[in-house]
Amino acid sequence: MAYQEILQALADPTRRSIFEELRRGPSPVGRLAEKIPVSRPAVSQHLRVLKGAGLVRERQTGTRRVYSVELHGLVELRKYLDGFWEDVLRAFKAEAERAGSSAGEEDDGREQG
């Protein structure tokens, strides 16, 4: 699943709330609807979007569908975000090396006494 779809799914505050509820553990739609201030059909629709983005999975338990977090979707999101972190670390390293070489040049010009 592409990270764009994941970010788009989590951009909605209601979907984020549902996703965060599922972090606490698997839950059927009815229990989620009790905790989120939207109707049960709306929760189902949001779950469908989260499932389509690869963030949620469902399993049938008797007559109920129980939803839980799909870790694979989080791996995709983590890969995307790690790319930013790697860029930041490279920039930090370059700046530290630049500052270190500048400090070394200043030390070379000082008199020793």
Protein backbone atom coordinates (compact mmCIF):
# COMPACT_ATOMS: atom_id res chain seq x y z
CA MET A 1 0.00 0.00 0.00
CA ALA A 2 1.37 3.40 -0.91
CA TYR A 3 2.16 5.81 1.89
CA GLN A 4 0.02 8.49 0.18
CA GLU A 5 -3.10 6.42 0.74
CA ILE A 6 -2.15 5.86 4.38
CA LEU A 7 -1.56 9.56 5.00
CA GLN A 8 -4.82 10.43 3.28
CA ALA A 9 -6.73 7.93 5.41
CA LEU A 10 -5.22 9.28 8.64
CA ALA A 11 -5.80 12.91 7.63
CA ASP A 12 -9.42 12.64 8.78
CA PRO A 13 -9.70 13.26 12.55
CA THR A 14 -12.51 10.72 12.98
CA ARG A 15 -10.50 8.00 11.25
CA ARG A 16 -7.49 8.87 13.40
CA SER A 17 -9.67 8.52 16.51
CA ILE A 18 -10.92 5.12 15.35
CA PHE A 19 -7.38 4.01 14.52
CA GLU A 20 -6.15 5.15 17.93
CA GLU A 21 -8.97 3.23 19.62
CA LEU A 22 -7.88 0.12 17.75
CA ARG A 23 -4.35 0.57 19.12
CA ARG A 24 -5.82 -0.43 22.48
CA GLY A 25 -6.95 -3.73 20.99
CA PRO A 26 -9.36 -5.37 18.55
CA SER A 27 -12.93 -4.11 18.62
CA PRO A 28 -16.26 -4.64 16.85
CA VAL A 29 -17.95 -1.72 15.13
CA GLY A 30 -20.55 -1.32 17.87
CA ARG A 31 -17.98 -0.81 20.59
CA LEU A 32 -16.07 1.69 18.45
CA ALA A 33 -19.31 3.59 17.74
CA GLU A 34 -19.90 3.92 21.50
CA LYS A 35 -16.53 5.65 21.91
CA ILE A 36 -16.54 7.86 18.80
CA PRO A 37 -19.15 10.62 18.38
CA VAL A 38 -20.44 9.40 15.01
CA SER A 39 -23.06 6.85 13.97
CA ARG A 40 -22.34 3.17 13.61
CA PRO A 41 -22.73 3.32 9.78
CA ALA A 42 -20.22 6.21 9.73
CA VAL A 43 -17.76 4.16 11.80
CA SER A 44 -18.19 1.29 9.32
CA GLN A 45 -17.47 3.64 6.43
CA HIS A 46 -14.35 5.00 8.12
CA LEU A 47 -13.18 1.46 8.85
CA ARG A 48 -13.61 0.61 5.17
CA VAL A 49 -11.27 3.51 4.25
CA LEU A 50 -8.73 2.47 6.89
CA LYS A 51 -8.90 -1.11 5.66
CA GLY A 52 -8.45 0.04 2.06
CA ALA A 53 -5.34 1.95 3.10
CA GLY A 54 -3.94 -1.20 4.69
CA LEU A 55 -4.12 0.14 8.26
CA VAL A 56 -6.93 -2.08 9.58
CA ARG A 57 -7.91 -5.71 9.14
CA GLU A 58 -11.15 -7.46 9.97
CA ARG A 59 -12.04 -10.96 11.03
CA GLN A 60 -15.43 -12.55 11.33
CA THR A 61 -16.32 -13.74 14.84
CA GLY A 62 -19.78 -15.26 14.82
CA THR A 63 -22.12 -12.57 13.54
CA ARG A 64 -19.71 -9.72 14.31
CA ARG A 65 -16.75 -8.32 12.48
CA VAL A 66 -13.85 -7.48 14.75
CA TYR A 67 -11.33 -4.88 13.58
CA SER A 68 -7.70 -4.50 14.57
CA VAL A 69 -4.60 -2.59 13.50
CA GLU A 70 -2.80 -4.02 10.46
CA LEU A 71 0.91 -3.77 11.22
CA HIS A 72 1.97 -3.99 7.57
CA GLY A 73 0.38 -0.60 6.88
CA LEU A 74 2.38 0.90 9.73
CA VAL A 75 5.57 -0.56 8.28
CA GLU A 76 4.87 1.26 5.00
CA LEU A 77 4.26 4.52 6.84
CA ARG A 78 7.39 4.02 8.93
CA LYS A 79 9.52 3.50 5.80
CA TYR A 80 8.24 6.77 4.39
CA LEU A 81 8.87 8.71 7.60
CA ASP A 82 12.29 7.09 8.11
CA GLY A 83 13.34 8.65 4.80
CA PHE A 84 12.86 12.08 6.35
CA TRP A 85 14.78 11.07 9.46
CA GLU A 86 17.68 9.83 7.33
CA ASP A 87 17.75 13.18 5.50
CA VAL A 88 17.84 15.04 8.82
CA LEU A 89 20.68 12.86 10.11
CA ARG A 90 22.70 13.38 6.91
CA ALA A 91 22.21 17.16 7.17
CA PHE A 92 23.20 17.11 10.85
CA LYS A 93 26.33 15.10 10.07
CA ALA A 94 27.32 17.46 7.26
CA GLU A 95 26.79 20.50 9.51
CA ALA A 96 28.77 18.90 12.36
CA GLU A 97 31.63 18.09 10.00
CA ARG A 98 31.56 21.61 8.58
CA ALA A 99 31.56 23.13 12.07
CA GLY A 100 34.34 20.76 13.14
CA SER A 101 36.56 21.69 10.19
CA SER A 102 35.90 25.41 10.80
CA ALA A 103 36.89 25.03 14.45
CA GLY A 104 40.02 23.16 13.42
CA GLU A 105 41.03 25.99 11.06
CA GLU A 106 40.62 28.54 13.84
CA ASP A 107 42.77 26.45 16.19
CA ASP A 108 45.56 26.27 13.58
CA GLY A 109 45.80 30.07 13.43
CA ARG A 110 46.29 30.54 17.20
CA GLU A 111 49.65 31.11 18.79
CA GLN A 112 50.82 28.51 21.21
CA GLY A 113 52.42 29.76 24.33
